[in-house]
C-alpha atoms as a PDB file:
ATOM      1  CA  MET A   1       0.021  -0.141   0.210  1.00  0.00           C
ATOM      2  CA  THR A   2       1.615   3.325  -0.871  1.00  0.00           C
ATOM      3  CA  THR A   3       0.380   6.469   0.447  1.00  0.00           C
ATOM      4  CA  GLU A   4       0.584  10.396  -0.557  1.00  0.00           C
ATOM      5  CA  ALA A   5       3.460  10.795   1.629  1.00  0.00           C
ATOM      6  CA  ASP A   6       5.746   8.497  -0.766  1.00  0.00           C
ATOM      7  CA  PRO A   7       6.267  10.701  -3.561  1.00  0.00           C
ATOM      8  CA  ALA A   8       7.607  13.490  -0.836  1.00  0.00           C
ATOM      9  CA  ILE A   9       9.711  11.238   0.807  1.00  0.00           C
ATOM     10  CA  GLY A  10      11.071  10.372  -2.068  1.00  0.00           C
ATOM     11  CA  ARG A  11      12.228  13.483  -3.081  1.00  0.00           C
ATOM     12  CA  VAL A  12      13.705  14.391  -0.026  1.00  0.00           C
ATOM     13  CA  LEU A  13      15.766  11.102   0.126  1.00  0.00           C
ATOM     14  CA  ARG A  14      17.040  12.050  -3.570  1.00  0.00           C
ATOM     15  CA  HIS A  15      18.554  15.098  -2.160  1.00  0.00           C
ATOM     16  CA  TRP A  16      19.867  14.006   1.194  1.00  0.00           C
ATOM     17  CA  PRO A  17      22.848  15.571   0.376  1.00  0.00           C
ATOM     18  CA  VAL A  18      21.387  18.947   0.938  1.00  0.00           C
ATOM     19  CA  LEU A  19      20.398  17.671   4.641  1.00  0.00           C
ATOM     20  CA  ALA A  20      23.341  16.390   5.291  1.00  0.00           C
ATOM     21  CA  GLY A  21      25.209  19.780   4.050  1.00  0.00           C
ATOM     22  CA  LEU A  22      22.774  21.915   6.539  1.00  0.00           C
ATOM     23  CA  GLY A  23      23.696  19.190   9.217  1.00  0.00           C
ATOM     24  CA  ALA A  24      27.100  19.581   8.845  1.00  0.00           C
ATOM     25  CA  ALA A  25      27.085  23.646   8.528  1.00  0.00           C
ATOM     26  CA  ALA A  26      25.495  23.314  11.655  1.00  0.00           C
ATOM     27  CA  LEU A  27      27.991  21.402  13.496  1.00  0.00           C
ATOM     28  CA  VAL A  28      30.451  23.830  12.010  1.00  0.00           C
ATOM     29  CA  VAL A  29      28.707  26.932  13.187  1.00  0.00           C
ATOM     30  CA  LEU A  30      28.011  26.305  16.697  1.00  0.00           C
ATOM     31  CA  GLY A  31      31.458  25.573  17.471  1.00  0.00           C
ATOM     32  CA  MET A  32      32.776  28.581  15.620  1.00  0.00           C
ATOM     33  CA  ALA A  33      34.004  31.494  17.594  1.00  0.00           C
ATOM     34  CA  THR A  34      35.289  33.675  14.327  1.00  0.00           C
ATOM     35  CA  GLY A  35      35.312  32.659  10.557  1.00  0.00           C
ATOM     36  CA  ALA A  36      39.322  32.532  10.325  1.00  0.00           C
ATOM     37  CA  GLU A  37      39.224  29.673  12.093  1.00  0.00           C
ATOM     38  CA  VAL A  38      37.111  27.500   9.588  1.00  0.00           C
ATOM     39  CA  ALA A  39      40.195  28.107   7.038  1.00  0.00           C
ATOM     40  CA  LYS A  40      40.719  24.749   7.749  1.00  0.00           C
ATOM     41  CA  ALA A  41      37.467  23.675   6.057  1.00  0.00           C
ATOM     42  CA  LEU A  42      38.136  25.791   2.846  1.00  0.00           C
ATOM     43  CA  ALA A  43      41.717  23.881   2.183  1.00  0.00           C
ATOM     44  CA  ALA A  44      39.577  20.956   3.051  1.00  0.00           C
ATOM     45  CA  SER A  45      37.218  21.364   0.622  1.00  0.00           C
ATOM     46  CA  ALA A  46      39.707  21.869  -2.186  1.00  0.00           C
ATOM     47  CA  VAL A  47      42.134  18.838  -0.953  1.00  0.00           C
ATOM     48  CA  VAL A  48      38.691  16.606  -1.430  1.00  0.00           C
ATOM     49  CA  TYR A  49      38.366  17.393  -5.241  1.00  0.00           C
ATOM     50  CA  LEU A  50      42.066  17.291  -5.812  1.00  0.00           C
ATOM     51  CA  GLY A  51      41.798  13.799  -3.950  1.00  0.00           C
ATOM     52  CA  ALA A  52      39.188  12.898  -6.593  1.00  0.00           C
ATOM     53  CA  ALA A  53      41.193  13.958  -9.544  1.00  0.00           C
ATOM     54  CA  ALA A  54      44.640  12.418  -8.256  1.00  0.00           C
ATOM     55  CA  LEU A  55      43.124   8.838  -7.025  1.00  0.00           C
ATOM     56  CA  GLY A  56      41.254   8.704 -10.808  1.00  0.00           C
ATOM     57  CA  SER A  57      37.899   8.245  -9.285  1.00  0.00           C
ATOM     58  CA  ARG A  58      34.557  10.203  -8.550  1.00  0.00           C
ATOM     59  CA  SER A  59      33.908   7.039  -6.086  1.00  0.00           C
ATOM     60  CA  ALA A  60      36.853   8.389  -3.811  1.00  0.00           C
ATOM     61  CA  THR A  61      35.447  11.521  -3.084  1.00  0.00           C
ATOM     62  CA  TRP A  62      33.783  10.449   0.193  1.00  0.00           C
ATOM     63  CA  PRO A  63      36.218   8.601   1.645  1.00  0.00           C
ATOM     64  CA  VAL A  64      38.469  11.751   0.775  1.00  0.00           C
ATOM     65  CA  PHE A  65      35.970  13.934   2.421  1.00  0.00           C
ATOM     66  CA  PHE A  66      36.218  12.100   5.541  1.00  0.00           C
ATOM     67  CA  VAL A  67      40.103  11.551   5.676  1.00  0.00           C
ATOM     68  CA  THR A  68      40.340  15.375   5.537  1.00  0.00           C
ATOM     69  CA  LEU A  69      37.574  15.388   8.369  1.00  0.00           C
ATOM     70  CA  ALA A  70      39.922  12.869  10.526  1.00  0.00           C
ATOM     71  CA  VAL A  71      43.052  14.414   9.675  1.00  0.00           C
ATOM     72  CA  ILE A  72      41.431  17.887  11.141  1.00  0.00           C
ATOM     73  CA  VAL A  73      39.756  16.166  14.049  1.00  0.00           C
ATOM     74  CA  ALA A  74      43.142  14.599  14.756  1.00  0.00           C
ATOM     75  CA  ALA A  75      44.988  17.916  14.373  1.00  0.00           C
ATOM     76  CA  ASP A  76      42.750  19.484  16.577  1.00  0.00           C
ATOM     77  CA  LEU A  77      42.529  17.016  19.318  1.00  0.00           C
ATOM     78  CA  ILE A  78      46.502  16.147  19.616  1.00  0.00           C
ATOM     79  CA  ASP A  79      47.648  19.875  19.806  1.00  0.00           C
ATOM     80  CA  GLU A  80      45.184  22.503  20.036  1.00  0.00           C
ATOM     81  CA  ASP A  81      47.596  24.937  18.971  1.00  0.00           C
ATOM     82  CA  PHE A  82      48.464  23.436  15.910  1.00  0.00           C
ATOM     83  CA  GLU A  83      46.383  24.542  12.760  1.00  0.00           C
ATOM     84  CA  ALA A  84      45.001  21.756  11.333  1.00  0.00           C
ATOM     85  CA  THR A  85      45.082  24.142   7.982  1.00  0.00           C
ATOM     86  CA  TRP A  86      48.526  22.930   7.571  1.00  0.00           C
ATOM     87  CA  ALA A  87      47.880  19.105   8.210  1.00  0.00           C
ATOM     88  CA  VAL A  88      44.800  19.162   5.308  1.00  0.00           C
ATOM     89  CA  LEU A  89      47.058  21.413   3.073  1.00  0.00           C
ATOM     90  CA  GLY A  90      49.876  18.434   3.626  1.00  0.00           C
ATOM     91  CA  LEU A  91      46.908  16.097   2.567  1.00  0.00           C
ATOM     92  CA  GLY A  92      46.894  17.365  -0.493  1.00  0.00           C
ATOM     93  CA  VAL A  93      50.650  17.753  -1.451  1.00  0.00           C
ATOM     94  CA  LEU A  94      50.611  14.162  -0.899  1.00  0.00           C
ATOM     95  CA  LEU A  95      47.434  13.469  -2.590  1.00  0.00           C
ATOM     96  CA  GLY A  96      48.673  15.577  -5.622  1.00  0.00           C
ATOM     97  CA  GLY A  97      52.063  14.072  -5.655  1.00  0.00           C
ATOM     98  CA  TYR A  98      50.541  10.707  -5.761  1.00  0.00           C
ATOM     99  CA  GLY A  99      48.237  11.603  -8.905  1.00  0.00           C
ATOM    100  CA  LEU A 100      51.503  12.971 -10.751  1.00  0.00           C
ATOM    101  CA  VAL A 101      53.569   9.642 -10.063  1.00  0.00           C
ATOM    102  CA  ARG A 102      50.677   7.768 -11.491  1.00  0.00           C
ATOM    103  CA  SER A 103      49.914   9.960 -14.196  1.00  0.00           C
ATOM    104  CA  LEU A 104      53.583   9.674 -14.998  1.00  0.00           C
ATOM    105  CA  ARG A 105      53.534   5.714 -14.078  1.00  0.00           C
ATOM    106  CA  ALA A 106      50.779   5.370 -16.980  1.00  0.00           C
ATOM    107  CA  GLY A 107      52.611   7.154 -19.251  1.00  0.00           C
ATOM    108  CA  THR A 108      49.352   9.181 -19.861  1.00  0.00           C
ATOM    109  CA  ARG A 109      48.663  12.884 -20.092  1.00  0.00           C
ATOM    110  CA  PRO A 110      45.673  13.462 -17.343  1.00  0.00           C
ATOM    111  CA  ASP A 111      42.760  15.537 -18.394  1.00  0.00           C
ATOM    112  CA  PHE A 112      43.446  18.987 -17.764  1.00  0.00           C
ATOM    113  CA  ALA A 113      39.871  18.987 -15.744  1.00  0.00           C
ATOM    114  CA  GLY A 114      41.486  16.374 -13.502  1.00  0.00           C
ATOM    115  CA  LEU A 115      44.291  16.766 -11.488  1.00  0.00           C
ATOM    116  CA  PRO A 116      46.086  19.820 -13.151  1.00  0.00           C
ATOM    117  CA  LEU A 117      42.928  22.070 -12.573  1.00  0.00           C
ATOM    118  CA  GLN A 118      42.134  20.887  -8.995  1.00  0.00           C
ATOM    119  CA  SER A 119      45.904  21.401  -8.266  1.00  0.00           C
ATOM    120  CA  LEU A 120      45.601  25.217  -9.525  1.00  0.00           C
ATOM    121  CA  ALA A 121      42.434  25.263  -7.185  1.00  0.00           C
ATOM    122  CA  LEU A 122      44.200  23.806  -4.373  1.00  0.00           C
ATOM    123  CA  LEU A 123      46.935  26.467  -4.879  1.00  0.00           C
ATOM    124  CA  GLY A 124      44.089  29.280  -4.938  1.00  0.00           C
ATOM    125  CA  PHE A 125      41.742  28.006  -2.076  1.00  0.00           C
ATOM    126  CA  GLY A 126      44.707  26.760  -0.348  1.00  0.00           C
ATOM    127  CA  ALA A 127      46.505  30.422  -0.517  1.00  0.00           C
ATOM    128  CA  ALA A 128      43.015  32.115   0.723  1.00  0.00           C
ATOM    129  CA  ALA A 129      42.731  29.609   3.386  1.00  0.00           C
ATOM    130  CA  THR A 130      46.908  30.403   4.696  1.00  0.00           C
ATOM    131  CA  VAL A 131      46.283  34.020   4.223  1.00  0.00           C
ATOM    132  CA  ALA A 132      43.350  34.111   6.136  1.00  0.00           C
ATOM    133  CA  LEU A 133      45.344  32.765   9.074  1.00  0.00           C
ATOM    134  CA  PHE A 134      48.173  35.545   9.104  1.00  0.00           C
ATOM    135  CA  VAL A 135      45.475  38.540   8.467  1.00  0.00           C
ATOM    136  CA  ASP A 136      43.507  40.131  11.154  1.00  0.00           C
ATOM    137  CA  VAL A 137      40.630  38.250  12.542  1.00  0.00           C
ATOM    138  CA  THR A 138      38.124  40.383  10.459  1.00  0.00           C
ATOM    139  CA  ALA A 139      39.510  40.141   7.063  1.00  0.00           C
ATOM    140  CA  GLY A 140      40.764  36.317   7.918  1.00  0.00           C
ATOM    141  CA  SER A 141      36.984  35.713   8.328  1.00  0.00           C
ATOM    142  CA  TYR A 142      35.593  37.624   5.254  1.00  0.00           C
ATOM    143  CA  LEU A 143      38.571  35.887   3.262  1.00  0.00           C
ATOM    144  CA  VAL A 144      37.383  32.794   4.144  1.00  0.00           C
ATOM    145  CA  ALA A 145      33.691  33.273   3.761  1.00  0.00           C
ATOM    146  CA  LEU A 146      34.583  34.815   0.134  1.00  0.00           C
ATOM    147  CA  GLY A 147      36.725  31.545  -0.484  1.00  0.00           C
ATOM    148  CA  LEU A 148      33.969  29.201   0.524  1.00  0.00           C
ATOM    149  CA  LEU A 149      31.404  31.259  -1.684  1.00  0.00           C
ATOM    150  CA  GLY A 150      34.126  30.830  -4.764  1.00  0.00           C
ATOM    151  CA  HIS A 151      34.380  26.780  -3.639  1.00  0.00           C
ATOM    152  CA  ALA A 152      30.081  26.838  -3.760  1.00  0.00           C
ATOM    153  CA  ALA A 153      30.382  28.138  -7.685  1.00  0.00           C
ATOM    154  CA  TRP A 154      33.304  25.374  -7.995  1.00  0.00           C
ATOM    155  CA  ASP A 155      30.869  22.972  -6.593  1.00  0.00           C
ATOM    156  CA  VAL A 156      28.119  24.184  -9.188  1.00  0.00           C
ATOM    157  CA  TYR A 157      30.387  23.684 -12.084  1.00  0.00           C
ATOM    158  CA  HIS A 158      31.172  20.112 -11.169  1.00  0.00           C
ATOM    159  CA  TYR A 159      27.834  19.292 -10.335  1.00  0.00           C
ATOM    160  CA  ARG A 160      26.288  20.712 -13.620  1.00  0.00           C
ATOM    161  CA  ALA A 161      29.525  19.145 -15.484  1.00  0.00           C
ATOM    162  CA  ASP A 162      29.201  15.774 -13.382  1.00  0.00           C
ATOM    163  CA  ARG A 163      33.013  15.371 -13.740  1.00  0.00           C
ATOM    164  CA  VAL A 164      35.795  14.699 -10.994  1.00  0.00           C
ATOM    165  CA  VAL A 165      33.848  14.419  -7.842  1.00  0.00           C
ATOM    166  CA  SER A 166      30.349  12.625  -7.211  1.00  0.00           C
ATOM    167  CA  ARG A 167      27.372  14.923  -7.687  1.00  0.00           C
ATOM    168  CA  SER A 168      26.310  14.086  -4.412  1.00  0.00           C
ATOM    169  CA  LEU A 169      29.519  15.424  -2.686  1.00  0.00           C
ATOM    170  CA  ALA A 170      29.250  18.506  -5.022  1.00  0.00           C
ATOM    171  CA  GLU A 171      25.521  18.925  -3.801  1.00  0.00           C
ATOM    172  CA  PHE A 172      26.431  18.375  -0.031  1.00  0.00           C
ATOM    173  CA  CYS A 173      29.467  20.743  -0.229  1.00  0.00           C
ATOM    174  CA  PHE A 174      27.553  23.399  -1.881  1.00  0.00           C
ATOM    175  CA  VAL A 175      24.910  23.737   0.876  1.00  0.00           C
ATOM    176  CA  LEU A 176      27.517  23.541   3.221  1.00  0.00           C
ATOM    177  CA  ASP A 177      30.065  26.136   1.966  1.00  0.00           C
ATOM    178  CA  THR A 178      26.983  28.523   0.949  1.00  0.00           C
ATOM    179  CA  ALA A 179      25.603  27.917   4.709  1.00  0.00           C
ATOM    180  CA  VAL A 180      28.748  28.674   6.332  1.00  0.00           C
ATOM    181  CA  ALA A 181      30.003  31.314   4.410  1.00  0.00           C
ATOM    182  CA  VAL A 182      26.449  33.459   5.247  1.00  0.00           C
ATOM    183  CA  ALA A 183      27.270  32.396   9.010  1.00  0.00           C
ATOM    184  CA  ILE A 184      30.776  33.406   8.729  1.00  0.00           C
ATOM    185  CA  ILE A 185      29.433  37.205   7.038  1.00  0.00           C
ATOM    186  CA  VAL A 186      26.968  37.494   9.549  1.00  0.00           C
ATOM    187  CA  LEU A 187      28.861  36.667  12.736  1.00  0.00           C
ATOM    188  CA  THR A 188      31.730  38.943  11.424  1.00  0.00           C
ATOM    189  CA  ILE A 189      29.136  41.781  11.053  1.00  0.00           C
ATOM    190  CA  ARG A 190      27.905  41.639  14.421  1.00  0.00           C
ATOM    191  CA  SER A 191      31.265  41.136  15.890  1.00  0.00           C
END
């Protein structure tokens, strides 16, 4: 027996990444004192895309996401004075190096939308995350928010192109990036 609610439940379940993104954003925002401290999340967003390109597998995006999350949590737990952004960027360098070696060993030229473009993106988003750590808190917060909005546009591009990362991750990341960026801007204006 089916009910009228079944189609609505189906629509909600098809867009579970939106709900997951909102939940993740709420967790990030609840523990946030300033937007600059979310620089590690900006760096991680680029590392996930680079990781999928380096591994040559769109199905690797969620595992890479959870690895970056584990790196952030571990870095924060091991030493609260250590900036987790450095650990995340280090992971990105390792993944990029692996992807380069993998391409060279296979004797193939990587597709520009893959490893080369994602490496450039990591440089850009990673630079924004790094600069945010060294400027005053207000400027750093706005820089992280701007970087997250830029990455949200990156998410939309990859969702629509259906390349490099899984669509579910791009959808999740778009919601997460946008919600956290808006929260950072509101928090920074109010302080």
